[in-house]
Structure formats: C-alpha cells, structure tokens
Amino acid sequence: MSENLVIKGDSKQELYDCLLPQIEALVADEQDMIANMANIAACLKATFDFWWVGFYRVAGDELVLGPFQGPLACTRIKKGRGVCGTAWQKAETVVVENVDDFPGHIACSSRSKSEIVVPVIRNGTVIAVLDIDSERLCAFDDVDKNCLEQLVSVDFI
C-alpha cells in the first residue's frame, strides 16, 4: 500500500497533513491491530525516512516489540526504562533531542541520535507506544508531537 501513498508537501506539517487522512483510510476497514501497526510504521518510514519506526505493545509488566521498519531492535523493555518505558510510565509523549543526554537510554543502535515516543492510550490505559528514532540530533519537534499524537488517536486497534 505504501507505494500507493500520494504524499506531497514542502514542510513537515504539510507531509503529515497529507499522510494522516491516508492512514485513516488505510486502517478504517481493518480490525487487526498488528496489521494496522505494520502499515502505519511502513507509511511513516516511507514518508519521512526515519531511521527506525515501530510499535511496542504492553504485555504484562513490559513492552514487547511489535511491527516495525528499520534495523534490529530491543525485544522487551521494562516500565520506566529508557525512552519507551518512560513514555509508558508517564502516559505522555517524550521527545529526546539527544539520546546520549537521556538518563537510562537503551541504545539498540548507536546510529540513533534523537527519539520521540508517543503512547497509544485507550480507555485511559497505555496499550502500546509508537517509537521513532532519527540519525539526526533534534529531529523531532512540536509538529511531530502533535501530529503523531493525532495519528495514534485514530481507531486502528
């Protein structure tokens, strides 16, 4: 499906504005959470060429790797550990300009320089997190935060 995406825009905001309705249409008729997570990760990777894009699902007292695009990743993360575990614990988006400055950062790849993690919240409970890494420092800003929070609120689960 990602080869069928039509993404146009000069700014990051314009790219998100074009991508979000297409993701909403893509997941509208699919009830399988894993399939939808896989397509969302692929769409984000294809549009923005992030270093790593994927989901971790809450399974008991840890996050378990879900669908992703990019190199190998950590498989399990405890609540409160690293950027993903922190976003889960706080139930809020965490933006890290330089992962080397984040206490307890879990380095799955030394090429990752900045990161954003957005919790997927349903009925007041975090059920997953969307994790995106960039090879560039300070790659994520309020545009990413706002648009990705809007994306994870889409009914894809």
N, C-alpha and C. Protein backbone atom coordinates (compact mmCIF):
# COMPACT_ATOMS: atom_id res chain seq x y z
N MET A 1 0.82 -1.21 0.00
CA MET A 1 0.00 0.00 0.00
C MET A 1 0.85 1.26 0.00
N SER A 2 2.06 1.24 0.66
CA SER A 2 2.84 2.47 0.75
C SER A 2 3.24 2.98 -0.63
N GLU A 3 3.40 2.08 -1.63
CA GLU A 3 3.70 2.59 -2.96
C GLU A 3 2.50 3.32 -3.55
N ASN A 4 1.33 3.13 -2.96
CA ASN A 4 0.13 3.80 -3.42
C ASN A 4 -0.13 5.12 -2.69
N LEU A 5 0.69 5.42 -1.68
CA LEU A 5 0.53 6.68 -0.97
C LEU A 5 0.85 7.83 -1.91
N VAL A 6 0.10 8.89 -1.78
CA VAL A 6 0.40 10.10 -2.53
C VAL A 6 0.69 11.18 -1.49
N ILE A 7 1.97 11.41 -1.27
CA ILE A 7 2.38 12.35 -0.23
C ILE A 7 3.06 13.54 -0.89
N LYS A 8 2.48 14.71 -0.70
CA LYS A 8 3.05 15.93 -1.27
C LYS A 8 3.14 16.98 -0.18
N GLY A 9 4.20 17.75 -0.23
CA GLY A 9 4.33 18.84 0.71
C GLY A 9 5.77 19.26 0.83
N ASP A 10 5.95 20.54 1.12
CA ASP A 10 7.30 21.08 1.28
C ASP A 10 7.72 21.09 2.74
N SER A 11 6.76 21.16 3.63
CA SER A 11 7.09 21.23 5.05
C SER A 11 6.68 19.93 5.74
N LYS A 12 7.22 19.72 6.92
CA LYS A 12 6.86 18.55 7.72
C LYS A 12 5.36 18.56 8.01
N GLN A 13 4.81 19.71 8.34
CA GLN A 13 3.38 19.81 8.62
C GLN A 13 2.56 19.41 7.40
N GLU A 14 2.96 19.86 6.23
CA GLU A 14 2.23 19.51 5.01
C GLU A 14 2.30 18.01 4.74
N LEU A 15 3.45 17.40 5.01
CA LEU A 15 3.57 15.95 4.83
C LEU A 15 2.63 15.20 5.76
N TYR A 16 2.61 15.61 7.03
CA TYR A 16 1.68 14.97 7.97
C TYR A 16 0.23 15.21 7.55
N ASP A 17 -0.09 16.44 7.13
CA ASP A 17 -1.46 16.76 6.73
C ASP A 17 -1.92 15.88 5.56
N CYS A 18 -1.00 15.52 4.70
CA CYS A 18 -1.31 14.65 3.57
C CYS A 18 -1.37 13.18 4.00
N LEU A 19 -0.46 12.79 4.90
CA LEU A 19 -0.36 11.39 5.31
C LEU A 19 -1.48 10.94 6.24
N LEU A 20 -1.86 11.75 7.20
CA LEU A 20 -2.82 11.32 8.22
C LEU A 20 -4.15 10.85 7.64
N PRO A 21 -4.77 11.57 6.71
CA PRO A 21 -6.04 11.06 6.17
C PRO A 21 -5.86 9.75 5.40
N GLN A 22 -4.70 9.58 4.79
CA GLN A 22 -4.45 8.34 4.06
C GLN A 22 -4.30 7.16 5.02
N ILE A 23 -3.65 7.39 6.16
CA ILE A 23 -3.54 6.33 7.17
C ILE A 23 -4.93 6.01 7.73
N GLU A 24 -5.72 7.05 8.00
CA GLU A 24 -7.08 6.82 8.50
C GLU A 24 -7.87 5.94 7.52
N ALA A 25 -7.76 6.21 6.24
CA ALA A 25 -8.47 5.41 5.24
C ALA A 25 -7.90 4.00 5.17
N LEU A 26 -6.60 3.87 5.30
CA LEU A 26 -5.94 2.57 5.22
C LEU A 26 -6.40 1.62 6.33
N VAL A 27 -6.54 2.16 7.54
CA VAL A 27 -6.88 1.30 8.69
C VAL A 27 -8.39 1.21 8.95
N ALA A 28 -9.18 1.98 8.25
CA ALA A 28 -10.62 2.06 8.53
C ALA A 28 -11.33 0.72 8.42
N ASP A 29 -10.95 -0.09 7.46
CA ASP A 29 -11.65 -1.36 7.24
C ASP A 29 -10.90 -2.57 7.77
N GLU A 30 -9.80 -2.34 8.47
CA GLU A 30 -9.00 -3.46 9.00
C GLU A 30 -9.10 -3.48 10.52
N GLN A 31 -9.49 -4.60 11.08
CA GLN A 31 -9.67 -4.72 12.52
C GLN A 31 -8.46 -5.30 13.24
N ASP A 32 -7.48 -5.82 12.50
CA ASP A 32 -6.33 -6.43 13.14
C ASP A 32 -5.30 -5.38 13.53
N MET A 33 -5.03 -5.27 14.83
CA MET A 33 -4.12 -4.27 15.36
C MET A 33 -2.71 -4.43 14.79
N ILE A 34 -2.21 -5.65 14.71
CA ILE A 34 -0.85 -5.89 14.23
C ILE A 34 -0.72 -5.46 12.76
N ALA A 35 -1.69 -5.82 11.94
CA ALA A 35 -1.66 -5.41 10.54
C ALA A 35 -1.66 -3.89 10.41
N ASN A 36 -2.49 -3.23 11.20
CA ASN A 36 -2.56 -1.77 11.16
C ASN A 36 -1.27 -1.14 11.65
N MET A 37 -0.70 -1.66 12.73
CA MET A 37 0.57 -1.13 13.22
C MET A 37 1.66 -1.28 12.15
N ALA A 38 1.68 -2.42 11.47
CA ALA A 38 2.68 -2.66 10.43
C ALA A 38 2.54 -1.64 9.30
N ASN A 39 1.33 -1.40 8.86
CA ASN A 39 1.12 -0.43 7.78
C ASN A 39 1.42 1.00 8.22
N ILE A 40 1.08 1.34 9.44
CA ILE A 40 1.38 2.69 9.94
C ILE A 40 2.89 2.89 9.99
N ALA A 41 3.61 1.92 10.52
CA ALA A 41 5.08 2.02 10.57
C ALA A 41 5.66 2.17 9.17
N ALA A 42 5.16 1.38 8.22
CA ALA A 42 5.65 1.46 6.85
C ALA A 42 5.36 2.82 6.22
N CYS A 43 4.18 3.36 6.47
CA CYS A 43 3.82 4.67 5.92
C CYS A 43 4.71 5.78 6.48
N LEU A 44 4.95 5.75 7.78
CA LEU A 44 5.81 6.77 8.40
C LEU A 44 7.24 6.66 7.89
N LYS A 45 7.73 5.44 7.78
CA LYS A 45 9.10 5.22 7.28
C LYS A 45 9.23 5.70 5.84
N ALA A 46 8.26 5.35 5.00
CA ALA A 46 8.30 5.74 3.59
C ALA A 46 8.19 7.26 3.41
N THR A 47 7.40 7.91 4.24
CA THR A 47 7.17 9.35 4.09
C THR A 47 8.34 10.17 4.62
N PHE A 48 8.86 9.80 5.78
CA PHE A 48 9.86 10.64 6.43
C PHE A 48 11.27 10.05 6.44
N ASP A 49 11.41 8.80 6.03
CA ASP A 49 12.71 8.12 6.02
C ASP A 49 13.39 8.18 7.39
N PHE A 50 12.60 7.98 8.44
CA PHE A 50 13.17 7.92 9.78
C PHE A 50 14.10 6.71 9.87
N TRP A 51 15.04 6.72 10.80
CA TRP A 51 15.97 5.62 10.99
C TRP A 51 15.23 4.36 11.44
N TRP A 52 14.30 4.52 12.39
CA TRP A 52 13.55 3.38 12.93
C TRP A 52 12.16 3.87 13.30
N VAL A 53 11.16 3.09 12.93
CA VAL A 53 9.77 3.40 13.27
C VAL A 53 9.10 2.11 13.67
N GLY A 54 8.46 2.10 14.83
CA GLY A 54 7.76 0.90 15.21
C GLY A 54 6.94 1.04 16.47
N PHE A 55 6.30 -0.04 16.80
CA PHE A 55 5.45 -0.10 17.97
C PHE A 55 6.00 -1.10 18.97
N TYR A 56 5.80 -0.79 20.24
CA TYR A 56 5.97 -1.75 21.32
C TYR A 56 4.61 -1.89 21.98
N ARG A 57 4.19 -3.13 22.21
CA ARG A 57 2.89 -3.41 22.82
C ARG A 57 3.06 -3.72 24.29
N VAL A 58 2.14 -3.25 25.12
CA VAL A 58 2.16 -3.57 26.54
C VAL A 58 1.74 -5.02 26.71
N ALA A 59 2.59 -5.78 27.39
CA ALA A 59 2.30 -7.19 27.69
C ALA A 59 2.71 -7.42 29.14
N GLY A 60 1.74 -7.36 30.04
CA GLY A 60 2.03 -7.51 31.46
C GLY A 60 2.83 -6.33 31.97
N ASP A 61 4.03 -6.61 32.50
CA ASP A 61 4.84 -5.54 33.10
C ASP A 61 5.97 -5.08 32.19
N GLU A 62 5.82 -5.33 30.89
CA GLU A 62 6.86 -4.88 29.96
C GLU A 62 6.27 -4.56 28.59
N LEU A 63 7.07 -3.84 27.82
CA LEU A 63 6.73 -3.58 26.42
C LEU A 63 7.39 -4.66 25.58
N VAL A 64 6.65 -5.18 24.61
CA VAL A 64 7.17 -6.21 23.72
C VAL A 64 7.17 -5.65 22.30
N LEU A 65 8.25 -5.87 21.60
CA LEU A 65 8.41 -5.38 20.24
C LEU A 65 7.24 -5.81 19.37
N GLY A 66 6.72 -4.86 18.63
CA GLY A 66 5.65 -5.11 17.67
C GLY A 66 6.15 -4.81 16.27
N PRO A 67 5.24 -4.55 15.34
CA PRO A 67 5.63 -4.25 13.98
C PRO A 67 6.53 -3.02 13.90
N PHE A 68 7.57 -3.12 13.05
CA PHE A 68 8.49 -2.00 12.90
C PHE A 68 9.13 -2.00 11.53
N GLN A 69 9.76 -0.88 11.21
CA GLN A 69 10.55 -0.70 9.99
C GLN A 69 11.91 -0.17 10.43
N GLY A 70 12.97 -0.83 10.01
CA GLY A 70 14.32 -0.40 10.36
C GLY A 70 15.15 -1.58 10.81
N PRO A 71 16.34 -1.28 11.36
CA PRO A 71 17.23 -2.36 11.80
C PRO A 71 16.70 -3.07 13.05
N LEU A 72 17.38 -4.14 13.43
CA LEU A 72 17.01 -4.91 14.62
C LEU A 72 16.76 -3.99 15.81
N ALA A 73 15.90 -4.44 16.69
CA ALA A 73 15.50 -3.62 17.83
C ALA A 73 15.50 -4.43 19.11
N CYS A 74 15.46 -3.73 20.22
CA CYS A 74 15.30 -4.37 21.52
C CYS A 74 13.94 -5.07 21.53
N THR A 75 13.89 -6.23 22.14
CA THR A 75 12.66 -7.02 22.11
C THR A 75 11.72 -6.71 23.26
N ARG A 76 12.28 -6.49 24.47
CA ARG A 76 11.46 -6.24 25.65
C ARG A 76 12.03 -5.07 26.45
N ILE A 77 11.12 -4.23 26.96
CA ILE A 77 11.52 -3.06 27.73
C ILE A 77 10.64 -2.98 28.97
N LYS A 78 11.26 -2.82 30.11
CA LYS A 78 10.53 -2.70 31.38
C LYS A 78 9.92 -1.30 31.52
N LYS A 79 8.85 -1.24 32.25
CA LYS A 79 8.17 0.03 32.52
C LYS A 79 9.14 0.98 33.23
N GLY A 80 9.24 2.19 32.72
CA GLY A 80 10.12 3.20 33.31
C GLY A 80 11.55 3.18 32.78
N ARG A 81 11.91 2.18 31.98
CA ARG A 81 13.27 2.08 31.43
C ARG A 81 13.33 2.71 30.04
N GLY A 82 14.37 3.47 29.82
CA GLY A 82 14.57 4.08 28.51
C GLY A 82 13.46 5.06 28.15
N VAL A 83 13.50 5.52 26.92
CA VAL A 83 12.51 6.50 26.46
C VAL A 83 11.14 5.84 26.34
N CYS A 84 11.10 4.63 25.78
CA CYS A 84 9.81 3.94 25.61
C CYS A 84 9.16 3.63 26.95
N GLY A 85 9.92 3.08 27.87
CA GLY A 85 9.39 2.74 29.19
C GLY A 85 8.96 3.97 29.97
N THR A 86 9.65 5.09 29.75
CA THR A 86 9.30 6.34 30.41
C THR A 86 7.99 6.90 29.85
N ALA A 87 7.84 6.88 28.53
CA ALA A 87 6.59 7.35 27.92
C ALA A 87 5.41 6.50 28.38
N TRP A 88 5.63 5.19 28.52
CA TRP A 88 4.58 4.29 29.02
C TRP A 88 4.23 4.65 30.46
N GLN A 89 5.25 4.78 31.30
CA GLN A 89 5.02 5.06 32.71
C GLN A 89 4.32 6.39 32.92
N LYS A 90 4.73 7.42 32.19
CA LYS A 90 4.14 8.75 32.35
C LYS A 90 2.84 8.92 31.56
N ALA A 91 2.59 8.01 30.61
CA ALA A 91 1.43 8.12 29.72
C ALA A 91 1.43 9.45 28.99
N GLU A 92 2.62 9.84 28.55
CA GLU A 92 2.74 11.08 27.78
C GLU A 92 3.89 10.96 26.79
N THR A 93 3.81 11.78 25.75
CA THR A 93 4.84 11.78 24.71
C THR A 93 6.15 12.28 25.28
N VAL A 94 7.23 11.61 24.90
CA VAL A 94 8.58 12.02 25.30
C VAL A 94 9.38 12.30 24.04
N VAL A 95 9.92 13.52 23.96
CA VAL A 95 10.76 13.94 22.84
C VAL A 95 12.17 14.11 23.38
N VAL A 96 13.13 13.44 22.75
CA VAL A 96 14.53 13.49 23.20
C VAL A 96 15.37 14.04 22.05
N GLU A 97 15.94 15.21 22.26
CA GLU A 97 16.75 15.84 21.22
C GLU A 97 18.08 15.12 20.99
N ASN A 98 18.66 14.60 22.08
CA ASN A 98 19.93 13.88 22.01
C ASN A 98 19.84 12.69 22.96
N VAL A 99 19.77 11.49 22.40
CA VAL A 99 19.56 10.31 23.24
C VAL A 99 20.71 10.09 24.23
N ASP A 100 21.90 10.60 23.92
CA ASP A 100 23.03 10.46 24.85
C ASP A 100 22.81 11.23 26.14
N ASP A 101 21.92 12.21 26.10
CA ASP A 101 21.62 13.03 27.28
C ASP A 101 20.45 12.49 28.09
N PHE A 102 19.80 11.41 27.62
CA PHE A 102 18.64 10.88 28.32
C PHE A 102 19.10 9.82 29.32
N PRO A 103 18.87 10.06 30.61
CA PRO A 103 19.29 9.08 31.62
C PRO A 103 18.63 7.72 31.41
N GLY A 104 19.43 6.68 31.32
CA GLY A 104 18.91 5.34 31.16
C GLY A 104 18.51 4.98 29.75
N HIS A 105 18.93 5.79 28.78
CA HIS A 105 18.59 5.49 27.38
C HIS A 105 19.06 4.08 27.03
N ILE A 106 18.20 3.33 26.36
CA ILE A 106 18.53 1.99 25.90
C ILE A 106 19.02 2.11 24.46
N ALA A 107 20.28 1.84 24.25
CA ALA A 107 20.88 2.01 22.93
C ALA A 107 20.76 0.73 22.12
N CYS A 108 19.68 0.62 21.36
CA CYS A 108 19.53 -0.53 20.45
C CYS A 108 20.44 -0.35 19.25
N SER A 109 20.72 0.90 18.88
CA SER A 109 21.62 1.21 17.78
C SER A 109 22.38 2.49 18.10
N SER A 110 23.67 2.48 17.86
CA SER A 110 24.48 3.67 18.10
C SER A 110 24.20 4.75 17.06
N ARG A 111 23.49 4.41 16.00
CA ARG A 111 23.18 5.39 14.96
C ARG A 111 22.00 6.28 15.34
N SER A 112 21.22 5.86 16.32
CA SER A 112 20.10 6.67 16.77
C SER A 112 20.61 7.86 17.55
N LYS A 113 20.18 9.06 17.17
CA LYS A 113 20.64 10.29 17.82
C LYS A 113 19.52 11.04 18.54
N SER A 114 18.29 10.95 18.02
CA SER A 114 17.16 11.58 18.69
C SER A 114 15.96 10.65 18.57
N GLU A 115 14.96 10.90 19.43
CA GLU A 115 13.86 9.94 19.52
C GLU A 115 12.59 10.63 19.99
N ILE A 116 11.46 10.11 19.52
CA ILE A 116 10.15 10.51 20.03
C ILE A 116 9.36 9.23 20.29
N VAL A 117 8.70 9.20 21.44
CA VAL A 117 7.86 8.05 21.79
C VAL A 117 6.49 8.58 22.20
N VAL A 118 5.45 8.05 21.53
CA VAL A 118 4.09 8.51 21.74
C VAL A 118 3.26 7.34 22.27
N PRO A 119 2.68 7.49 23.45
CA PRO A 119 1.85 6.39 23.97
C PRO A 119 0.53 6.27 23.21
N VAL A 120 0.11 5.03 23.02
CA VAL A 120 -1.20 4.73 22.43
C VAL A 120 -2.12 4.43 23.62
N ILE A 121 -3.07 5.32 23.86
CA ILE A 121 -3.92 5.23 25.05
C ILE A 121 -5.35 4.92 24.63
N ARG A 122 -5.89 3.88 25.25
CA ARG A 122 -7.29 3.53 25.03
C ARG A 122 -7.95 3.35 26.38
N ASN A 123 -9.09 4.01 26.58
CA ASN A 123 -9.83 3.94 27.84
C ASN A 123 -8.95 4.26 29.04
N GLY A 124 -8.09 5.27 28.88
CA GLY A 124 -7.24 5.73 29.97
C GLY A 124 -6.03 4.87 30.27
N THR A 125 -5.78 3.84 29.45
CA THR A 125 -4.67 2.92 29.69
C THR A 125 -3.73 2.90 28.48
N VAL A 126 -2.43 2.95 28.75
CA VAL A 126 -1.46 2.81 27.66
C VAL A 126 -1.43 1.35 27.24
N ILE A 127 -1.69 1.11 25.97
CA ILE A 127 -1.69 -0.27 25.46
C ILE A 127 -0.50 -0.54 24.53
N ALA A 128 0.17 0.53 24.10
CA ALA A 128 1.32 0.41 23.21
C ALA A 128 2.02 1.77 23.17
N VAL A 129 3.18 1.80 22.55
CA VAL A 129 3.85 3.06 22.27
C VAL A 129 4.34 3.03 20.83
N LEU A 130 4.30 4.19 20.20
CA LEU A 130 4.90 4.39 18.89
C LEU A 130 6.26 5.01 19.13
N ASP A 131 7.30 4.35 18.65
CA ASP A 131 8.69 4.77 18.86
C ASP A 131 9.30 5.13 17.52
N ILE A 132 9.89 6.31 17.43
CA ILE A 132 10.55 6.73 16.20
C ILE A 132 11.92 7.29 16.55
N ASP A 133 12.94 6.79 15.84
CA ASP A 133 14.32 7.23 16.05
C ASP A 133 14.84 7.88 14.77
N SER A 134 15.72 8.86 14.95
CA SER A 134 16.36 9.53 13.83
C SER A 134 17.88 9.47 13.99
N GLU A 135 18.57 9.48 12.88
CA GLU A 135 20.02 9.54 12.88
C GLU A 135 20.51 10.98 13.08
N ARG A 136 19.59 11.93 13.12
CA ARG A 136 19.94 13.33 13.31
C ARG A 136 19.58 13.79 14.72
N LEU A 137 20.39 14.66 15.28
CA LEU A 137 20.07 15.29 16.55
C LEU A 137 18.89 16.25 16.35
N CYS A 138 18.09 16.41 17.37
CA CYS A 138 16.99 17.39 17.38
C CYS A 138 16.05 17.23 16.18
N ALA A 139 15.76 16.00 15.79
CA ALA A 139 14.94 15.76 14.60
C ALA A 139 13.45 15.96 14.84
N PHE A 140 13.02 15.92 16.10
CA PHE A 140 11.59 15.94 16.40
C PHE A 140 11.21 17.21 17.14
N ASP A 141 10.03 17.73 16.82
CA ASP A 141 9.58 18.98 17.40
C ASP A 141 8.08 18.90 17.71
N ASP A 142 7.48 20.05 17.97
CA ASP A 142 6.05 20.08 18.30
C ASP A 142 5.17 19.62 17.15
N VAL A 143 5.62 19.83 15.92
CA VAL A 143 4.85 19.35 14.77
C VAL A 143 4.74 17.83 14.83
N ASP A 144 5.89 17.17 15.03
CA ASP A 144 5.87 15.71 15.16
C ASP A 144 5.00 15.28 16.33
N LYS A 145 5.22 15.91 17.47
CA LYS A 145 4.47 15.54 18.68
C LYS A 145 2.97 15.64 18.44
N ASN A 146 2.53 16.77 17.95
CA ASN A 146 1.09 16.99 17.75
C ASN A 146 0.51 16.05 16.69
N CYS A 147 1.22 15.89 15.59
CA CYS A 147 0.70 15.05 14.51
C CYS A 147 0.73 13.57 14.87
N LEU A 148 1.78 13.14 15.54
CA LEU A 148 1.85 11.72 15.93
C LEU A 148 0.84 11.40 17.03
N GLU A 149 0.58 12.34 17.92
CA GLU A 149 -0.47 12.14 18.93
C GLU A 149 -1.83 12.03 18.24
N GLN A 150 -2.04 12.81 17.21
CA GLN A 150 -3.28 12.72 16.43
C GLN A 150 -3.34 11.36 15.74
N LEU A 151 -2.23 10.92 15.18
CA LEU A 151 -2.19 9.63 14.48
C LEU A 151 -2.55 8.48 15.40
N VAL A 152 -1.95 8.41 16.60
CA VAL A 152 -2.23 7.28 17.48
C VAL A 152 -3.63 7.31 18.07
N SER A 153 -4.31 8.45 17.93
CA SER A 153 -5.70 8.50 18.41
C SER A 153 -6.67 7.92 17.38
N VAL A 154 -6.19 7.67 16.17
CA VAL A 154 -7.01 7.05 15.13
C VAL A 154 -7.40 5.65 15.59
N ASP A 155 -8.59 5.22 15.24
CA ASP A 155 -9.08 3.91 15.67
C ASP A 155 -8.48 2.81 14.80
N PHE A 156 -7.25 2.38 15.16
CA PHE A 156 -6.59 1.30 14.41
C PHE A 156 -6.46 0.04 15.25
N ILE A 157 -7.04 0.06 16.43
CA ILE A 157 -6.94 -1.09 17.34
C ILE A 157 -8.32 -1.63 17.60
